[in-house]
Structure formats: structure tokens, C-alpha cells
N, C-alpha and C. Protein backbone atom coordinates (compact mmCIF):
# COMPACT_ATOMS: atom_id res chain seq x y z
N MET A 1 0.81 -1.18 0.00
CA MET A 1 0.00 0.00 0.00
C MET A 1 0.86 1.24 0.00
N LYS A 2 1.93 1.21 0.81
CA LYS A 2 2.82 2.35 0.89
C LYS A 2 3.47 2.61 -0.46
N GLY A 3 3.85 1.61 -1.18
CA GLY A 3 4.48 1.76 -2.50
C GLY A 3 3.52 2.34 -3.52
N VAL A 4 2.25 1.93 -3.44
CA VAL A 4 1.24 2.44 -4.37
C VAL A 4 1.01 3.93 -4.13
N LEU A 5 0.95 4.33 -2.87
CA LEU A 5 0.76 5.74 -2.52
C LEU A 5 1.94 6.58 -2.99
N MET A 6 3.13 6.10 -2.78
CA MET A 6 4.33 6.83 -3.21
C MET A 6 4.38 6.94 -4.74
N ASP A 7 4.00 5.86 -5.41
CA ASP A 7 3.97 5.91 -6.87
C ASP A 7 2.96 6.93 -7.38
N THR A 8 1.81 7.00 -6.73
CA THR A 8 0.78 7.97 -7.11
C THR A 8 1.27 9.39 -6.90
N VAL A 9 1.91 9.66 -5.78
CA VAL A 9 2.45 11.00 -5.50
C VAL A 9 3.54 11.35 -6.50
N ARG A 10 4.42 10.39 -6.77
CA ARG A 10 5.51 10.62 -7.72
C ARG A 10 4.95 10.94 -9.12
N VAL A 11 3.96 10.20 -9.57
CA VAL A 11 3.34 10.44 -10.87
C VAL A 11 2.67 11.83 -10.88
N PHE A 12 1.99 12.16 -9.79
CA PHE A 12 1.32 13.45 -9.69
C PHE A 12 2.32 14.61 -9.80
N LEU A 13 3.43 14.51 -9.10
CA LEU A 13 4.43 15.58 -9.10
C LEU A 13 5.17 15.69 -10.43
N SER A 14 5.26 14.61 -11.17
CA SER A 14 5.99 14.65 -12.44
C SER A 14 5.10 15.04 -13.62
N GLU A 15 3.79 15.09 -13.43
CA GLU A 15 2.87 15.45 -14.51
C GLU A 15 3.08 16.91 -14.91
N GLU A 16 3.01 17.20 -16.20
CA GLU A 16 3.12 18.57 -16.69
C GLU A 16 1.79 19.08 -17.23
N ASP A 17 0.78 18.29 -17.25
CA ASP A 17 -0.53 18.69 -17.74
C ASP A 17 -1.38 19.19 -16.57
N GLY A 18 -2.41 20.01 -16.91
CA GLY A 18 -3.37 20.46 -15.91
C GLY A 18 -2.96 21.75 -15.23
N ALA A 19 -3.83 22.33 -14.49
CA ALA A 19 -3.62 23.53 -13.68
C ALA A 19 -3.00 24.68 -14.46
N ILE A 20 -3.23 24.70 -15.77
CA ILE A 20 -2.67 25.78 -16.58
C ILE A 20 -3.38 27.11 -16.30
N THR A 21 -4.62 27.05 -15.84
CA THR A 21 -5.37 28.26 -15.51
C THR A 21 -4.65 29.07 -14.45
N ALA A 22 -4.11 28.41 -13.47
CA ALA A 22 -3.40 29.14 -12.40
C ALA A 22 -2.20 29.89 -12.97
N ASP A 23 -1.50 29.28 -13.92
CA ASP A 23 -0.37 29.97 -14.55
C ASP A 23 -0.83 31.22 -15.29
N TRP A 24 -1.94 31.09 -16.03
CA TRP A 24 -2.45 32.24 -16.78
C TRP A 24 -2.92 33.34 -15.85
N VAL A 25 -3.51 33.00 -14.75
CA VAL A 25 -3.96 34.02 -13.78
C VAL A 25 -2.77 34.81 -13.26
N VAL A 26 -1.72 34.12 -12.91
CA VAL A 26 -0.52 34.79 -12.40
C VAL A 26 0.10 35.68 -13.48
N MET A 27 0.22 35.16 -14.71
CA MET A 27 0.82 35.96 -15.78
C MET A 27 -0.05 37.15 -16.14
N SER A 28 -1.37 36.97 -16.20
CA SER A 28 -2.27 38.08 -16.52
C SER A 28 -2.20 39.15 -15.44
N SER A 29 -2.15 38.74 -14.19
CA SER A 29 -2.03 39.71 -13.09
C SER A 29 -0.73 40.50 -13.20
N ALA A 30 0.33 39.84 -13.58
CA ALA A 30 1.61 40.53 -13.75
C ALA A 30 1.54 41.56 -14.87
N VAL A 31 0.91 41.21 -15.98
CA VAL A 31 0.79 42.14 -17.10
C VAL A 31 -0.07 43.33 -16.72
N VAL A 32 -1.19 43.11 -16.04
CA VAL A 32 -2.05 44.21 -15.60
C VAL A 32 -1.29 45.11 -14.62
N GLY A 33 -0.58 44.52 -13.70
CA GLY A 33 0.22 45.31 -12.75
C GLY A 33 1.27 46.15 -13.45
N LEU A 34 1.93 45.58 -14.45
CA LEU A 34 2.93 46.32 -15.22
C LEU A 34 2.27 47.48 -15.97
N GLY A 35 1.11 47.23 -16.54
CA GLY A 35 0.37 48.29 -17.24
C GLY A 35 0.01 49.44 -16.31
N LEU A 36 -0.46 49.12 -15.12
CA LEU A 36 -0.80 50.16 -14.14
C LEU A 36 0.43 50.94 -13.71
N ALA A 37 1.55 50.25 -13.54
CA ALA A 37 2.78 50.93 -13.15
C ALA A 37 3.25 51.89 -14.25
N VAL A 38 3.19 51.45 -15.50
CA VAL A 38 3.59 52.31 -16.62
C VAL A 38 2.66 53.51 -16.71
N THR A 39 1.36 53.31 -16.54
CA THR A 39 0.40 54.41 -16.59
C THR A 39 0.70 55.43 -15.50
N ALA A 40 1.01 54.97 -14.32
CA ALA A 40 1.31 55.89 -13.21
C ALA A 40 2.55 56.72 -13.51
N VAL A 41 3.54 56.12 -14.13
CA VAL A 41 4.78 56.84 -14.43
C VAL A 41 4.58 57.84 -15.57
N VAL A 42 3.82 57.47 -16.59
CA VAL A 42 3.70 58.29 -17.80
C VAL A 42 2.64 59.38 -17.67
N SER A 43 1.62 59.18 -16.85
CA SER A 43 0.49 60.10 -16.81
C SER A 43 0.89 61.53 -16.41
N GLY A 44 1.78 61.68 -15.48
CA GLY A 44 2.21 63.02 -15.07
C GLY A 44 2.85 63.79 -16.21
N GLY A 45 3.72 63.14 -16.96
CA GLY A 45 4.36 63.79 -18.10
C GLY A 45 3.37 64.12 -19.20
N ALA A 46 2.40 63.24 -19.44
CA ALA A 46 1.40 63.49 -20.47
C ALA A 46 0.54 64.69 -20.10
N GLU A 47 0.18 64.82 -18.82
CA GLU A 47 -0.61 65.97 -18.38
C GLU A 47 0.18 67.26 -18.53
N ASP A 48 1.45 67.24 -18.18
CA ASP A 48 2.29 68.42 -18.35
C ASP A 48 2.39 68.82 -19.81
N LEU A 49 2.58 67.85 -20.67
CA LEU A 49 2.71 68.13 -22.10
C LEU A 49 1.42 68.69 -22.67
N SER A 50 0.28 68.13 -22.27
CA SER A 50 -0.99 68.65 -22.79
C SER A 50 -1.24 70.07 -22.29
N GLY A 51 -0.85 70.37 -21.07
CA GLY A 51 -0.98 71.75 -20.57
C GLY A 51 -0.09 72.71 -21.32
N ASP A 52 1.14 72.28 -21.62
CA ASP A 52 2.06 73.12 -22.40
C ASP A 52 1.52 73.36 -23.80
N LEU A 53 0.96 72.32 -24.40
CA LEU A 53 0.40 72.45 -25.74
C LEU A 53 -0.79 73.40 -25.74
N GLN A 54 -1.65 73.30 -24.74
CA GLN A 54 -2.80 74.20 -24.66
C GLN A 54 -2.34 75.65 -24.52
N THR A 55 -1.34 75.90 -23.69
CA THR A 55 -0.81 77.25 -23.51
C THR A 55 -0.22 77.77 -24.81
N ALA A 56 0.55 76.94 -25.50
CA ALA A 56 1.18 77.36 -26.75
C ALA A 56 0.15 77.68 -27.81
N LEU A 57 -0.90 76.85 -27.91
CA LEU A 57 -1.94 77.12 -28.91
C LEU A 57 -2.71 78.40 -28.59
N ALA A 58 -2.94 78.65 -27.33
CA ALA A 58 -3.68 79.85 -26.95
C ALA A 58 -2.88 81.12 -27.23
N GLN A 59 -1.56 81.04 -27.21
CA GLN A 59 -0.72 82.22 -27.40
C GLN A 59 -0.23 82.39 -28.83
N THR A 60 -0.55 81.47 -29.73
CA THR A 60 -0.02 81.50 -31.08
C THR A 60 -1.05 82.01 -32.05
N ASP A 61 -0.64 82.99 -32.90
CA ASP A 61 -1.50 83.41 -33.99
C ASP A 61 -1.42 82.36 -35.08
N ILE A 62 -2.56 82.09 -35.69
CA ILE A 62 -2.61 81.07 -36.72
C ILE A 62 -2.32 81.73 -38.06
N ALA A 63 -1.35 81.21 -38.79
CA ALA A 63 -0.98 81.78 -40.08
C ALA A 63 -2.15 81.67 -41.05
N GLY A 64 -2.34 82.71 -41.82
CA GLY A 64 -3.36 82.70 -42.85
C GLY A 64 -4.74 83.10 -42.37
N VAL A 65 -4.87 83.45 -41.11
CA VAL A 65 -6.17 83.88 -40.61
C VAL A 65 -6.29 85.38 -40.83
N PRO A 66 -7.31 85.83 -41.55
CA PRO A 66 -7.45 87.26 -41.81
C PRO A 66 -7.56 88.04 -40.51
N GLY A 67 -6.74 89.04 -40.38
CA GLY A 67 -6.79 89.90 -39.20
C GLY A 67 -6.05 89.33 -38.01
N GLY A 68 -5.94 88.02 -37.92
CA GLY A 68 -5.22 87.39 -36.82
C GLY A 68 -5.83 87.64 -35.47
N GLY A 69 -7.11 88.07 -35.44
CA GLY A 69 -7.73 88.41 -34.18
C GLY A 69 -8.23 87.18 -33.44
N GLU A 70 -8.61 87.39 -32.19
CA GLU A 70 -9.07 86.29 -31.34
C GLU A 70 -10.34 85.65 -31.90
N VAL A 71 -11.27 86.46 -32.41
CA VAL A 71 -12.52 85.90 -32.92
C VAL A 71 -12.25 85.04 -34.15
N ASP A 72 -11.37 85.49 -35.04
CA ASP A 72 -11.05 84.69 -36.23
C ASP A 72 -10.41 83.37 -35.83
N ARG A 73 -9.50 83.38 -34.87
CA ARG A 73 -8.85 82.17 -34.42
C ARG A 73 -9.89 81.21 -33.84
N ARG A 74 -10.81 81.74 -33.06
CA ARG A 74 -11.83 80.88 -32.46
C ARG A 74 -12.75 80.32 -33.53
N ALA A 75 -13.08 81.10 -34.56
CA ALA A 75 -13.92 80.59 -35.64
C ALA A 75 -13.22 79.47 -36.39
N LEU A 76 -11.92 79.64 -36.61
CA LEU A 76 -11.16 78.60 -37.29
C LEU A 76 -11.12 77.33 -36.45
N ILE A 77 -10.84 77.47 -35.18
CA ILE A 77 -10.80 76.31 -34.29
C ILE A 77 -12.18 75.65 -34.23
N LEU A 78 -13.22 76.46 -34.18
CA LEU A 78 -14.58 75.92 -34.16
C LEU A 78 -14.84 75.10 -35.41
N ALA A 79 -14.47 75.64 -36.57
CA ALA A 79 -14.72 74.94 -37.82
C ALA A 79 -13.92 73.65 -37.91
N MET A 80 -12.68 73.68 -37.44
CA MET A 80 -11.85 72.50 -37.52
C MET A 80 -12.29 71.45 -36.50
N THR A 81 -12.74 71.88 -35.35
CA THR A 81 -13.08 70.94 -34.29
C THR A 81 -14.46 70.33 -34.50
N PHE A 82 -15.44 71.15 -34.74
CA PHE A 82 -16.81 70.67 -34.79
C PHE A 82 -17.35 70.48 -36.20
N GLY A 83 -16.66 71.02 -37.19
CA GLY A 83 -17.15 70.90 -38.55
C GLY A 83 -18.12 72.00 -38.89
N ALA A 84 -19.02 72.31 -38.03
CA ALA A 84 -20.01 73.38 -38.17
C ALA A 84 -20.73 73.34 -39.52
N GLY A 85 -20.72 72.20 -40.18
CA GLY A 85 -21.43 72.07 -41.45
C GLY A 85 -20.69 72.70 -42.61
N TYR A 86 -19.46 73.13 -42.44
CA TYR A 86 -18.67 73.74 -43.49
C TYR A 86 -17.74 72.70 -44.11
N PRO A 87 -17.46 72.83 -45.41
CA PRO A 87 -16.54 71.88 -46.03
C PRO A 87 -15.09 72.07 -45.58
N SER A 88 -14.76 73.28 -45.09
CA SER A 88 -13.39 73.54 -44.67
C SER A 88 -13.38 74.70 -43.69
N ALA A 89 -12.24 74.88 -43.04
CA ALA A 89 -12.08 76.00 -42.11
C ALA A 89 -12.15 77.32 -42.87
N GLU A 90 -11.61 77.34 -44.10
CA GLU A 90 -11.67 78.57 -44.90
C GLU A 90 -13.12 78.96 -45.21
N ALA A 91 -13.94 77.95 -45.49
CA ALA A 91 -15.35 78.23 -45.76
C ALA A 91 -16.03 78.81 -44.52
N ALA A 92 -15.67 78.29 -43.36
CA ALA A 92 -16.23 78.83 -42.12
C ALA A 92 -15.80 80.27 -41.92
N LEU A 93 -14.53 80.56 -42.18
CA LEU A 93 -14.04 81.94 -42.03
C LEU A 93 -14.68 82.87 -43.05
N ASP A 94 -14.86 82.38 -44.29
CA ASP A 94 -15.53 83.20 -45.31
C ASP A 94 -16.95 83.53 -44.87
N HIS A 95 -17.65 82.52 -44.35
CA HIS A 95 -19.01 82.75 -43.88
C HIS A 95 -19.02 83.74 -42.71
N PHE A 96 -18.08 83.57 -41.80
CA PHE A 96 -17.98 84.47 -40.66
C PHE A 96 -17.70 85.90 -41.12
N ASP A 97 -16.79 86.06 -42.10
CA ASP A 97 -16.50 87.40 -42.64
C ASP A 97 -17.73 88.00 -43.30
N ARG A 98 -18.49 87.19 -44.05
CA ARG A 98 -19.72 87.70 -44.69
C ARG A 98 -20.74 88.12 -43.63
N ILE A 99 -20.83 87.34 -42.57
CA ILE A 99 -21.74 87.71 -41.48
C ILE A 99 -21.35 89.08 -40.94
N MET A 100 -20.07 89.26 -40.67
CA MET A 100 -19.60 90.50 -40.06
C MET A 100 -19.73 91.68 -41.00
N GLU A 101 -19.58 91.46 -42.31
CA GLU A 101 -19.61 92.56 -43.29
C GLU A 101 -21.03 92.92 -43.72
N THR A 102 -21.92 91.95 -43.82
CA THR A 102 -23.21 92.21 -44.46
C THR A 102 -24.39 92.30 -43.50
N LEU A 103 -24.30 91.69 -42.34
CA LEU A 103 -25.46 91.68 -41.45
C LEU A 103 -25.39 92.82 -40.44
N THR A 104 -26.55 93.38 -40.14
CA THR A 104 -26.62 94.40 -39.11
C THR A 104 -26.61 93.74 -37.74
N ASP A 105 -26.47 94.54 -36.72
CA ASP A 105 -26.50 94.01 -35.36
C ASP A 105 -27.80 93.26 -35.09
N ALA A 106 -28.91 93.85 -35.51
CA ALA A 106 -30.22 93.23 -35.28
C ALA A 106 -30.32 91.90 -36.02
N GLN A 107 -29.79 91.83 -37.24
CA GLN A 107 -29.85 90.58 -38.00
C GLN A 107 -29.02 89.49 -37.35
N ILE A 108 -27.85 89.86 -36.83
CA ILE A 108 -27.02 88.86 -36.14
C ILE A 108 -27.75 88.35 -34.91
N ARG A 109 -28.36 89.26 -34.15
CA ARG A 109 -29.11 88.84 -32.96
C ARG A 109 -30.29 87.95 -33.34
N ASN A 110 -30.98 88.27 -34.44
CA ASN A 110 -32.12 87.47 -34.88
C ASN A 110 -31.68 86.08 -35.34
N ARG A 111 -30.57 86.00 -36.06
CA ARG A 111 -30.07 84.69 -36.51
C ARG A 111 -29.64 83.85 -35.30
N HIS A 112 -29.02 84.49 -34.33
CA HIS A 112 -28.63 83.79 -33.11
C HIS A 112 -29.87 83.22 -32.43
N ARG A 113 -30.93 84.03 -32.35
CA ARG A 113 -32.17 83.55 -31.74
C ARG A 113 -32.79 82.42 -32.56
N SER A 114 -32.74 82.52 -33.89
CA SER A 114 -33.32 81.48 -34.74
C SER A 114 -32.59 80.15 -34.56
N TRP A 115 -31.24 80.20 -34.50
CA TRP A 115 -30.49 78.96 -34.31
C TRP A 115 -30.69 78.42 -32.90
N SER A 116 -30.92 79.28 -31.93
CA SER A 116 -31.23 78.82 -30.57
C SER A 116 -32.54 78.05 -30.56
N ARG A 117 -33.52 78.58 -31.28
CA ARG A 117 -34.81 77.89 -31.36
C ARG A 117 -34.69 76.57 -32.12
N ALA A 118 -33.87 76.56 -33.18
CA ALA A 118 -33.68 75.32 -33.94
C ALA A 118 -33.02 74.25 -33.07
N LEU A 119 -32.09 74.68 -32.23
CA LEU A 119 -31.43 73.74 -31.34
C LEU A 119 -32.40 73.18 -30.30
N ALA A 120 -33.33 74.00 -29.85
CA ALA A 120 -34.29 73.57 -28.83
C ALA A 120 -35.39 72.66 -29.40
N ASP A 121 -35.56 72.67 -30.73
CA ASP A 121 -36.62 71.89 -31.37
C ASP A 121 -36.02 70.70 -32.12
N PRO A 122 -36.10 69.49 -31.57
CA PRO A 122 -35.50 68.33 -32.23
C PRO A 122 -36.14 67.99 -33.58
N THR A 123 -37.33 68.52 -33.87
CA THR A 123 -37.98 68.24 -35.15
C THR A 123 -37.60 69.26 -36.22
N HIS A 124 -36.83 70.28 -35.86
CA HIS A 124 -36.42 71.30 -36.83
C HIS A 124 -35.54 70.65 -37.91
N PRO A 125 -35.75 71.02 -39.18
CA PRO A 125 -34.97 70.37 -40.25
C PRO A 125 -33.46 70.59 -40.15
N ASN A 126 -33.03 71.66 -39.51
CA ASN A 126 -31.60 71.93 -39.36
C ASN A 126 -31.12 71.72 -37.93
N HIS A 127 -31.82 70.89 -37.19
CA HIS A 127 -31.46 70.66 -35.79
C HIS A 127 -30.02 70.12 -35.65
N ALA A 128 -29.58 69.28 -36.58
CA ALA A 128 -28.26 68.66 -36.48
C ALA A 128 -27.13 69.68 -36.53
N ARG A 129 -27.31 70.75 -37.29
CA ARG A 129 -26.24 71.74 -37.39
C ARG A 129 -26.49 72.97 -36.51
N ALA A 130 -27.58 72.99 -35.77
CA ALA A 130 -27.96 74.18 -35.00
C ALA A 130 -26.93 74.57 -33.95
N ALA A 131 -26.37 73.61 -33.22
CA ALA A 131 -25.42 73.94 -32.15
C ALA A 131 -24.17 74.61 -32.72
N ASP A 132 -23.68 74.09 -33.86
CA ASP A 132 -22.48 74.67 -34.45
C ASP A 132 -22.76 76.05 -35.02
N ARG A 133 -23.87 76.21 -35.71
CA ARG A 133 -24.20 77.53 -36.28
C ARG A 133 -24.50 78.53 -35.16
N LEU A 134 -25.12 78.07 -34.09
CA LEU A 134 -25.36 78.94 -32.95
C LEU A 134 -24.04 79.45 -32.39
N ALA A 135 -23.05 78.58 -32.33
CA ALA A 135 -21.73 78.98 -31.84
C ALA A 135 -21.10 80.04 -32.75
N VAL A 136 -21.28 79.89 -34.07
CA VAL A 136 -20.73 80.88 -35.01
C VAL A 136 -21.39 82.24 -34.78
N PHE A 137 -22.70 82.26 -34.60
CA PHE A 137 -23.37 83.54 -34.37
C PHE A 137 -23.08 84.09 -32.99
N ALA A 138 -22.79 83.22 -32.03
CA ALA A 138 -22.33 83.71 -30.72
C ALA A 138 -20.98 84.41 -30.84
N LEU A 139 -20.12 83.90 -31.70
CA LEU A 139 -18.84 84.56 -31.97
C LEU A 139 -19.06 85.92 -32.61
N ALA A 140 -20.02 86.00 -33.54
CA ALA A 140 -20.32 87.27 -34.18
C ALA A 140 -20.87 88.27 -33.17
N LEU A 141 -21.74 87.80 -32.27
CA LEU A 141 -22.23 88.69 -31.21
C LEU A 141 -21.07 89.21 -30.36
N GLU A 142 -20.17 88.30 -30.01
CA GLU A 142 -19.02 88.68 -29.19
C GLU A 142 -18.14 89.69 -29.92
N ALA A 143 -17.93 89.47 -31.22
CA ALA A 143 -17.08 90.38 -31.99
C ALA A 143 -17.66 91.78 -32.07
N ARG A 144 -18.97 91.85 -32.12
CA ARG A 144 -19.63 93.16 -32.17
C ARG A 144 -19.91 93.73 -30.78
N GLY A 145 -19.66 92.98 -29.76
CA GLY A 145 -19.93 93.45 -28.40
C GLY A 145 -21.42 93.50 -28.10
N LEU A 146 -22.19 92.58 -28.67
CA LEU A 146 -23.64 92.57 -28.50
C LEU A 146 -24.07 91.49 -27.53
N GLU A 147 -25.22 91.70 -26.93
CA GLU A 147 -25.86 90.69 -26.11
C GLU A 147 -26.95 90.03 -26.94
N PRO A 148 -27.21 88.75 -26.73
CA PRO A 148 -28.31 88.11 -27.47
C PRO A 148 -29.65 88.67 -27.03
N HIS A 149 -30.66 88.34 -27.82
CA HIS A 149 -32.02 88.76 -27.43
C HIS A 149 -32.33 88.28 -26.04
N GLY A 150 -33.05 89.09 -25.29
CA GLY A 150 -33.37 88.73 -23.91
C GLY A 150 -34.35 87.58 -23.82
N GLY A 151 -35.38 87.60 -24.63
CA GLY A 151 -36.40 86.55 -24.56
C GLY A 151 -36.31 85.61 -25.73
N TYR A 152 -36.17 84.35 -25.43
CA TYR A 152 -36.14 83.35 -26.50
C TYR A 152 -37.44 82.62 -26.46
């Protein structure tokens, strides 16, 4: 009996099959731990870099922007970031320039109010572009130093 028990233990210890799940759990835990350690080390530098980039972009005039003013830069960034329904940033700036040159203060305020209403009405045919166009007219109001209509 003693020999049979020893043979069973010896066979058990020499087997290389089975219990592979435990190995994978240990290896997966090590990989996750390594990933967390790398994230902790890199995150501080990434935050510093993104802050530096934001500061640099805020202080840099964008080449090719007419007038180089703050409103033009914001219109360009708006067009590039959100699309605003324009085919290009230049098209957005052209539209913004036409707004500033051709519309009166009252017309700009009325268009701002119209896009506000379109944004509030999900059934409006131009609801999808209302938020972006509203932002463009908000820039025009800001450029003219105007307040929007009081009652919407």
C-alpha cells in the first residue's frame, strides 16, 4: 500500500498537464500590474505636455487667418473641431466674414435667436447643425460686443 501511494504522489508531481489556468492568472495579473505601473509613471508627463500644448496654442496666432484676431482664431478652431457644417475652415471663415460685413447688429441677434430655437426643437430640419451655427453667431455677437435677445 505504501508503495502504491508513493507511486501515485511521484506520478502526480511529475505530470506537466493540468492547472494551466493558475499559470495564466498569475501571468495576466503581472501584465495588468505592469500596465498600471507604466500608466502611473507616464500620466504626469502626459498631463504636463498637454498643458504646455494648450498654452502654446492659446498664445499663437494662426498663419493665414485674416486679421489674426481672437474671434477669427476661435472661428477657425470651431470649424476644424466641430465641422459646423462647413466643407473647410476657410469656408467657415468666409461665412464668418460675410456675417460680419453684411449683417446688421439686429440681423445677427435674430439669426442667433433662430439657431437657438432650432437647437431647442429636435424636429427642426436643421437641428443637427444648429449647435455649431449657434456657436458661429455667438462669436459674431461677441465680436460686435452685442448681447443676445433677452427673450427666446
